[in-house]
Amino acid sequence: MQKAFQRIAIFGVGLIGGSFALALKKAGAVEQIVGVGRSQASLEKAQQLGIIDEIALNAEQALCNCDLVLIAAPVAQTGAILKAIYPHLQPGTIVTDAGSTKADVVAAARESLGEKIAQFVPAHPIAGRELNGPEAALVDLYVGKKAVITRLPENSDADVTRVAWAWQQCGAIIHHLEPAAHDAVFAAVSHLPHLLAYALVDDIARKPHADTLFQYAASGFRDFTRIAGSSPEMWRDISLANRAAMLQELDSYTARLSILRQHLVDADSEGIEGIYANAQRARHNWISAIEAAEKQQREGGD
C-alpha cells in the first residue's frame, strides 16, 4: 500500500494545482503542501483558503525535503521552472506536471533536467473549468475524470505508480498514452474546440452590432462558447505548443466546413441532413459510452 506524501511542492496554485492540493488533503494523502508562483497575492489567497500550508519564495525553498513536485503552470513556463528545480532536485523526489501538451513538455524536461530526467513523470489530468485562480479550485474537480500519464522510457515503475496513486487519491481514473499520441488526440478533442470557441466569440465581438447579437444569444451559444472563458494565456501556450497537430485538425475541420458550405450554396437538403445526422449519431454513441463507463465504475465501487 502506498503511503502519504510528507511534503508536496506545487508550482501554480490556481484551478489545477489548487484542486490537486485540496483533493489530496481531503484524502489524507499528504502532510504538507508548499506553493510557488508568480503572484504573491495568489499564493496568499491559496494559503488563506487552506489550499497550501506554506509559501516558498523560490525553488530551493520549495524542494527542501519534498517527495513530489507538481508543475501546474502554463506549459510555456515549464522549461524555466524545471531549470530552477534542477540544482535542488534530490534523488527520490518525483517531478510531474499537469500540462495539456506533452511532446513539448518532455523536450523541455530533457533539456532542463539532463541526467535527472528519470525523475520526471509527465501527466495530464483531463478536467478543468473556465474559471481561474485559487478561488476556482474544487476539491472534487478530478473525481471520475481521466488522468493521462505519458511515461518516459527512463521512468521507474515505482515512480509512475506513485504519480498514478496521487491522481487516484484525487478520484481520477488513470490512462496511459505516448506523448505524441496524446498531443494528436487532444488537438482534435480539446485544443481545436477551444480555438473554435474563441474564434466565434471574437468574431461576434468585432461586429458593429455585437451588443444586439449578445443580447439575443441564448443557451446554445452559451454552451458552445463556455470554454472561451478559459485563460487566454494558458490556451495561447497550448495552441503554440501543439501547433503542428492543431493545424492538421484545423485543416480537416476547414475542409468539412467547405463541404457544408457547398451544401448550403446548392440548397442540398440531403447533404446537410447527412452531416447533421452523422454528427448526432456519433455524439449519442459517445454519451452512451460515457454513461456505460460511469455505471460500470459505480457498480465496481459498490
Protein backbone atom coordinates (compact mmCIF):
# COMPACT_ATOMS: atom_id res chain seq x y z
CA MET A 1 0.00 0.00 0.00
CA GLN A 2 1.26 3.46 -0.89
CA LYS A 3 1.91 5.84 2.00
CA ALA A 4 1.01 9.51 2.17
CA PHE A 5 3.37 12.11 0.80
CA GLN A 6 5.19 14.03 3.50
CA ARG A 7 5.66 17.24 1.52
CA ILE A 8 4.46 18.28 -1.94
CA ALA A 9 5.51 21.42 -3.80
CA ILE A 10 3.07 22.88 -6.32
CA PHE A 11 4.20 25.41 -8.88
CA GLY A 12 0.97 27.19 -9.79
CA VAL A 13 -1.79 27.09 -7.17
CA GLY A 14 -4.73 28.05 -9.38
CA LEU A 15 -7.54 25.82 -10.61
CA ILE A 16 -5.46 22.76 -11.50
CA GLY A 17 -2.80 22.87 -8.80
CA GLY A 18 -5.23 24.09 -6.17
CA SER A 19 -7.75 21.35 -6.87
CA PHE A 20 -4.96 18.74 -6.72
CA ALA A 21 -3.93 20.08 -3.32
CA LEU A 22 -7.46 20.17 -1.90
CA ALA A 23 -8.22 16.63 -3.07
CA LEU A 24 -5.02 15.18 -1.63
CA LYS A 25 -5.65 16.91 1.68
CA LYS A 26 -9.19 15.55 1.83
CA ALA A 27 -7.90 12.04 1.09
CA GLY A 28 -5.25 12.31 3.80
CA ALA A 29 -2.62 11.63 1.15
CA VAL A 30 -0.26 14.48 2.07
CA GLU A 31 1.04 16.03 5.27
CA GLN A 32 2.21 19.40 3.98
CA ILE A 33 1.83 21.37 0.75
CA VAL A 34 4.03 24.28 -0.24
CA GLY A 35 3.06 26.66 -3.03
CA VAL A 36 5.22 28.52 -5.53
CA GLY A 37 4.03 31.07 -8.09
CA ARG A 38 4.47 34.36 -9.88
CA SER A 39 1.79 36.19 -7.91
CA GLN A 40 2.28 36.74 -4.19
CA ALA A 41 -1.38 37.72 -3.93
CA SER A 42 -2.50 34.40 -5.43
CA LEU A 43 -0.21 32.47 -3.10
CA GLU A 44 -1.53 34.34 -0.07
CA LYS A 45 -5.09 33.71 -1.22
CA ALA A 46 -4.33 29.99 -1.65
CA GLN A 47 -2.95 29.89 1.88
CA GLN A 48 -6.00 31.70 3.26
CA LEU A 49 -8.25 29.17 1.52
CA GLY A 50 -6.33 26.26 3.05
CA ILE A 51 -5.04 25.06 -0.33
CA ILE A 52 -1.39 25.34 0.69
CA ASP A 53 0.26 25.33 4.09
CA GLU A 54 3.35 27.33 3.22
CA ILE A 55 4.56 29.81 0.62
CA ALA A 56 8.00 29.23 -0.86
CA LEU A 57 9.97 32.19 -2.15
CA ASN A 58 11.99 30.12 -4.62
CA ALA A 59 12.60 26.61 -5.96
CA GLU A 60 15.31 25.84 -3.41
CA GLN A 61 12.98 26.53 -0.51
CA ALA A 62 10.11 24.66 -2.17
CA LEU A 63 12.09 21.47 -2.84
CA CYS A 64 13.53 21.15 0.66
CA ASN A 65 12.51 17.69 1.97
CA CYS A 66 9.98 17.41 -0.85
CA ASP A 67 8.97 13.99 -2.20
CA LEU A 68 6.67 15.19 -5.01
CA VAL A 69 6.64 18.30 -7.20
CA LEU A 70 3.68 19.23 -9.40
CA ILE A 71 4.09 21.84 -12.14
CA ALA A 72 0.62 23.27 -12.73
CA ALA A 73 1.64 26.45 -14.55
CA PRO A 74 1.01 27.32 -18.24
CA VAL A 75 3.05 24.97 -20.42
CA ALA A 76 5.32 27.73 -21.77
CA GLN A 77 6.68 28.18 -18.24
CA THR A 78 7.62 24.51 -17.82
CA GLY A 79 11.20 24.81 -19.10
CA ALA A 80 12.06 27.74 -16.85
CA ILE A 81 10.52 26.05 -13.81
CA LEU A 82 12.42 22.82 -14.47
CA LYS A 83 15.68 24.75 -14.84
CA ALA A 84 15.04 26.38 -11.48
CA ILE A 85 14.24 22.99 -9.94
CA TYR A 86 17.26 21.14 -11.37
CA PRO A 87 20.00 22.29 -8.93
CA HIS A 88 17.85 21.42 -5.93
CA LEU A 89 16.32 18.16 -7.16
CA GLN A 90 17.41 15.40 -4.82
CA PRO A 91 17.30 11.64 -5.51
CA GLY A 92 13.93 10.22 -4.56
CA THR A 93 11.97 13.37 -5.38
CA ILE A 94 9.48 12.87 -8.23
CA VAL A 95 8.55 15.73 -10.53
CA THR A 96 5.36 15.63 -12.56
CA ASP A 97 3.21 18.13 -14.43
CA ALA A 98 -0.38 18.79 -15.45
CA GLY A 99 0.23 20.32 -18.86
CA SER A 100 -2.25 19.91 -21.71
CA THR A 101 0.56 19.20 -24.19
CA LYS A 102 3.23 16.60 -23.71
CA ALA A 103 5.80 16.42 -26.53
CA ASP A 104 7.00 19.99 -25.86
CA VAL A 105 6.99 19.41 -22.10
CA VAL A 106 9.08 16.26 -22.50
CA ALA A 107 11.53 18.12 -24.73
CA ALA A 108 11.81 20.91 -22.16
CA ALA A 109 12.34 18.36 -19.39
CA ARG A 110 15.12 16.59 -21.27
CA GLU A 111 16.89 19.89 -21.88
CA SER A 112 16.44 21.20 -18.35
CA LEU A 113 16.87 18.09 -16.22
CA GLY A 114 19.58 16.26 -18.17
CA GLU A 115 20.76 13.22 -16.26
CA LYS A 116 17.86 13.64 -13.79
CA ILE A 117 15.23 13.08 -16.49
CA ALA A 118 14.15 9.75 -14.98
CA GLN A 119 12.66 11.69 -12.05
CA PHE A 120 10.19 13.50 -14.33
CA VAL A 121 6.90 11.66 -14.94
CA PRO A 122 4.72 13.68 -17.36
CA ALA A 123 0.96 13.62 -16.86
CA HIS A 124 -2.24 15.45 -17.81
CA PRO A 125 -5.48 15.48 -15.79
CA ILE A 126 -8.45 15.79 -18.15
CA ALA A 127 -10.51 18.22 -16.12
CA GLY A 128 -10.99 21.93 -15.90
CA ARG A 129 -13.31 24.91 -15.67
CA GLU A 130 -13.49 28.23 -17.45
CA LEU A 131 -12.56 29.94 -14.17
CA ASN A 132 -9.02 30.62 -12.99
CA GLY A 133 -7.09 31.28 -9.81
CA PRO A 134 -7.10 29.73 -6.33
CA GLU A 135 -10.75 30.68 -5.83
CA ALA A 136 -11.68 28.39 -8.73
CA ALA A 137 -10.15 25.29 -7.13
CA LEU A 138 -12.55 22.44 -6.32
CA VAL A 139 -11.92 19.51 -4.04
CA ASP A 140 -13.82 17.16 -6.38
CA LEU A 141 -12.61 18.52 -9.73
CA TYR A 142 -10.90 15.25 -10.67
CA VAL A 143 -13.46 12.77 -9.39
CA GLY A 144 -14.33 10.36 -12.18
CA LYS A 145 -12.10 12.22 -14.66
CA LYS A 146 -9.21 10.76 -16.65
CA ALA A 147 -5.60 11.48 -15.77
CA VAL A 148 -3.24 10.52 -18.60
CA ILE A 149 0.33 9.53 -17.77
CA THR A 150 2.77 9.73 -20.67
CA ARG A 151 5.69 7.92 -19.07
CA LEU A 152 9.22 8.17 -20.36
CA PRO A 153 11.47 5.16 -21.08
CA GLU A 154 13.69 6.31 -18.21
CA ASN A 155 10.88 6.38 -15.62
CA SER A 156 10.86 3.66 -13.00
CA ASP A 157 7.70 1.65 -12.44
CA ALA A 158 7.73 2.78 -8.82
CA ASP A 159 7.72 6.48 -9.73
CA VAL A 160 4.96 6.03 -12.32
CA THR A 161 2.89 4.12 -9.78
CA ARG A 162 3.45 6.86 -7.21
CA VAL A 163 2.23 9.59 -9.57
CA ALA A 164 -0.74 7.45 -10.58
CA TRP A 165 -1.57 6.90 -6.91
CA ALA A 166 -1.57 10.65 -6.27
CA TRP A 167 -4.13 11.23 -9.04
CA GLN A 168 -6.17 8.25 -7.88
CA GLN A 169 -6.39 9.84 -4.43
CA CYS A 170 -7.98 12.80 -6.22
CA GLY A 171 -10.60 10.45 -7.67
CA ALA A 172 -9.11 10.30 -11.17
CA ILE A 173 -9.05 7.29 -13.48
CA ILE A 174 -5.57 6.54 -14.83
CA HIS A 175 -4.86 6.20 -18.55
CA HIS A 176 -1.57 5.86 -20.42
CA LEU A 177 -0.50 7.32 -23.79
CA GLU A 178 2.73 8.08 -25.61
CA PRO A 179 3.46 11.86 -25.63
CA ALA A 180 3.00 12.24 -29.41
CA ALA A 181 -0.21 10.19 -29.39
CA HIS A 182 -1.50 12.29 -26.51
CA ASP A 183 -0.94 15.53 -28.41
CA ALA A 184 -2.62 14.21 -31.56
CA VAL A 185 -5.70 13.09 -29.62
CA PHE A 186 -6.14 16.30 -27.65
CA ALA A 187 -5.53 18.52 -30.66
CA ALA A 188 -8.76 17.05 -32.04
CA VAL A 189 -10.99 16.81 -28.98
CA SER A 190 -9.77 19.65 -26.75
CA HIS A 191 -7.42 22.14 -28.36
CA LEU A 192 -9.38 22.62 -31.60
CA PRO A 193 -12.72 23.11 -29.77
CA HIS A 194 -11.13 25.84 -27.67
CA LEU A 195 -9.77 27.54 -30.79
CA LEU A 196 -13.21 27.42 -32.40
CA ALA A 197 -14.97 28.80 -29.33
CA TYR A 198 -12.51 31.67 -29.03
CA ALA A 199 -12.78 32.40 -32.76
CA LEU A 200 -16.58 32.51 -32.72
CA VAL A 201 -16.84 34.83 -29.73
CA ASP A 202 -14.08 37.04 -31.14
CA ASP A 203 -15.93 37.24 -34.46
CA ILE A 204 -19.21 38.19 -32.79
CA ALA A 205 -17.49 40.74 -30.55
CA ARG A 206 -15.92 42.52 -33.53
CA LYS A 207 -19.20 43.03 -35.40
CA PRO A 208 -20.66 46.55 -35.32
CA HIS A 209 -23.92 45.20 -33.88
CA ALA A 210 -22.23 42.94 -31.32
CA ASP A 211 -24.34 44.28 -28.45
CA THR A 212 -27.52 43.22 -30.21
CA LEU A 213 -26.10 39.79 -31.03
CA PHE A 214 -25.01 39.11 -27.45
CA GLN A 215 -28.40 40.37 -26.22
CA TYR A 216 -30.18 37.57 -28.06
CA ALA A 217 -27.56 34.84 -27.60
CA ALA A 218 -29.11 32.07 -25.52
CA SER A 219 -28.26 28.66 -24.08
CA GLY A 220 -26.93 27.15 -27.31
CA PHE A 221 -24.42 29.95 -27.75
CA ARG A 222 -23.53 29.84 -24.05
CA ASP A 223 -22.92 26.09 -24.09
CA PHE A 224 -20.88 26.15 -27.31
CA THR A 225 -18.70 29.06 -26.16
CA ARG A 226 -18.31 28.24 -22.45
CA ILE A 227 -14.66 27.29 -22.89
CA ALA A 228 -13.88 30.68 -24.42
CA GLY A 229 -14.00 31.92 -20.82
CA SER A 230 -10.80 30.00 -20.06
CA SER A 231 -7.39 31.59 -19.52
CA PRO A 232 -6.14 33.21 -22.77
CA GLU A 233 -2.52 32.87 -21.60
CA MET A 234 -2.86 29.16 -20.94
CA TRP A 235 -4.58 28.44 -24.25
CA ARG A 236 -2.17 30.63 -26.19
CA ASP A 237 0.65 28.47 -24.85
CA ILE A 238 -1.21 25.23 -25.61
CA SER A 239 -2.02 26.35 -29.15
CA LEU A 240 1.59 27.19 -29.92
CA ALA A 241 3.00 24.13 -28.16
CA ASN A 242 0.75 21.78 -30.16
CA ARG A 243 0.77 23.88 -33.32
CA ALA A 244 1.51 21.13 -35.85
CA ALA A 245 -1.24 18.80 -34.64
CA MET A 246 -3.70 21.69 -34.30
CA LEU A 247 -3.03 22.87 -37.85
CA GLN A 248 -3.71 19.37 -39.12
CA GLU A 249 -7.01 19.20 -37.24
CA LEU A 250 -7.93 22.75 -38.27
CA ASP A 251 -7.33 21.89 -41.93
CA SER A 252 -9.53 18.81 -41.59
CA TYR A 253 -12.29 20.85 -39.93
CA THR A 254 -12.00 23.59 -42.54
CA ALA A 255 -12.44 21.00 -45.30
CA ARG A 256 -15.59 19.73 -43.59
CA LEU A 257 -16.91 23.31 -43.30
CA SER A 258 -16.23 23.82 -47.01
CA ILE A 259 -18.33 20.78 -47.83
CA LEU A 260 -21.14 22.00 -45.60
CA ARG A 261 -20.90 25.47 -47.15
CA GLN A 262 -21.27 23.99 -50.63
CA HIS A 263 -24.33 22.08 -49.50
CA LEU A 264 -25.82 25.41 -48.38
CA VAL A 265 -24.94 27.06 -51.69
CA ASP A 266 -26.59 24.20 -53.55
CA ALA A 267 -29.56 24.08 -51.15
CA ASP A 268 -28.67 20.39 -50.80
CA SER A 269 -31.00 19.30 -48.01
CA GLU A 270 -29.87 15.67 -48.11
CA GLY A 271 -26.21 16.65 -47.85
CA ILE A 272 -26.84 18.97 -44.91
CA GLU A 273 -29.02 16.46 -43.09
CA GLY A 274 -26.47 13.72 -43.73
CA ILE A 275 -23.74 15.66 -41.94
CA TYR A 276 -26.08 16.61 -39.09
CA ALA A 277 -27.35 13.04 -38.70
CA ASN A 278 -23.85 11.55 -38.68
CA ALA A 279 -22.81 14.04 -36.03
CA GLN A 280 -25.91 13.30 -33.96
CA ARG A 281 -25.29 9.53 -34.08
CA ALA A 282 -21.64 9.96 -33.16
CA ARG A 283 -22.48 12.20 -30.23
CA HIS A 284 -25.21 9.88 -28.95
CA ASN A 285 -22.80 6.93 -29.14
CA TRP A 286 -20.12 8.92 -27.31
CA ILE A 287 -22.51 9.91 -24.50
CA SER A 288 -23.78 6.33 -24.22
CA ALA A 289 -20.22 5.06 -23.89
CA ILE A 290 -19.50 7.61 -21.14
CA GLU A 291 -22.66 6.66 -19.25
CA ALA A 292 -21.86 2.95 -19.54
CA ALA A 293 -18.34 3.52 -18.22
CA GLU A 294 -19.67 5.59 -15.31
CA LYS A 295 -22.21 2.89 -14.46
CA GLN A 296 -19.51 0.22 -14.53
CA GLN A 297 -17.33 2.36 -12.27
CA ARG A 298 -20.18 2.86 -9.78
CA GLU A 299 -21.04 -0.83 -9.71
CA GLY A 300 -17.38 -1.74 -9.34
CA GLY A 301 -17.09 0.54 -6.33
CA ASP A 302 -20.14 -0.94 -4.56
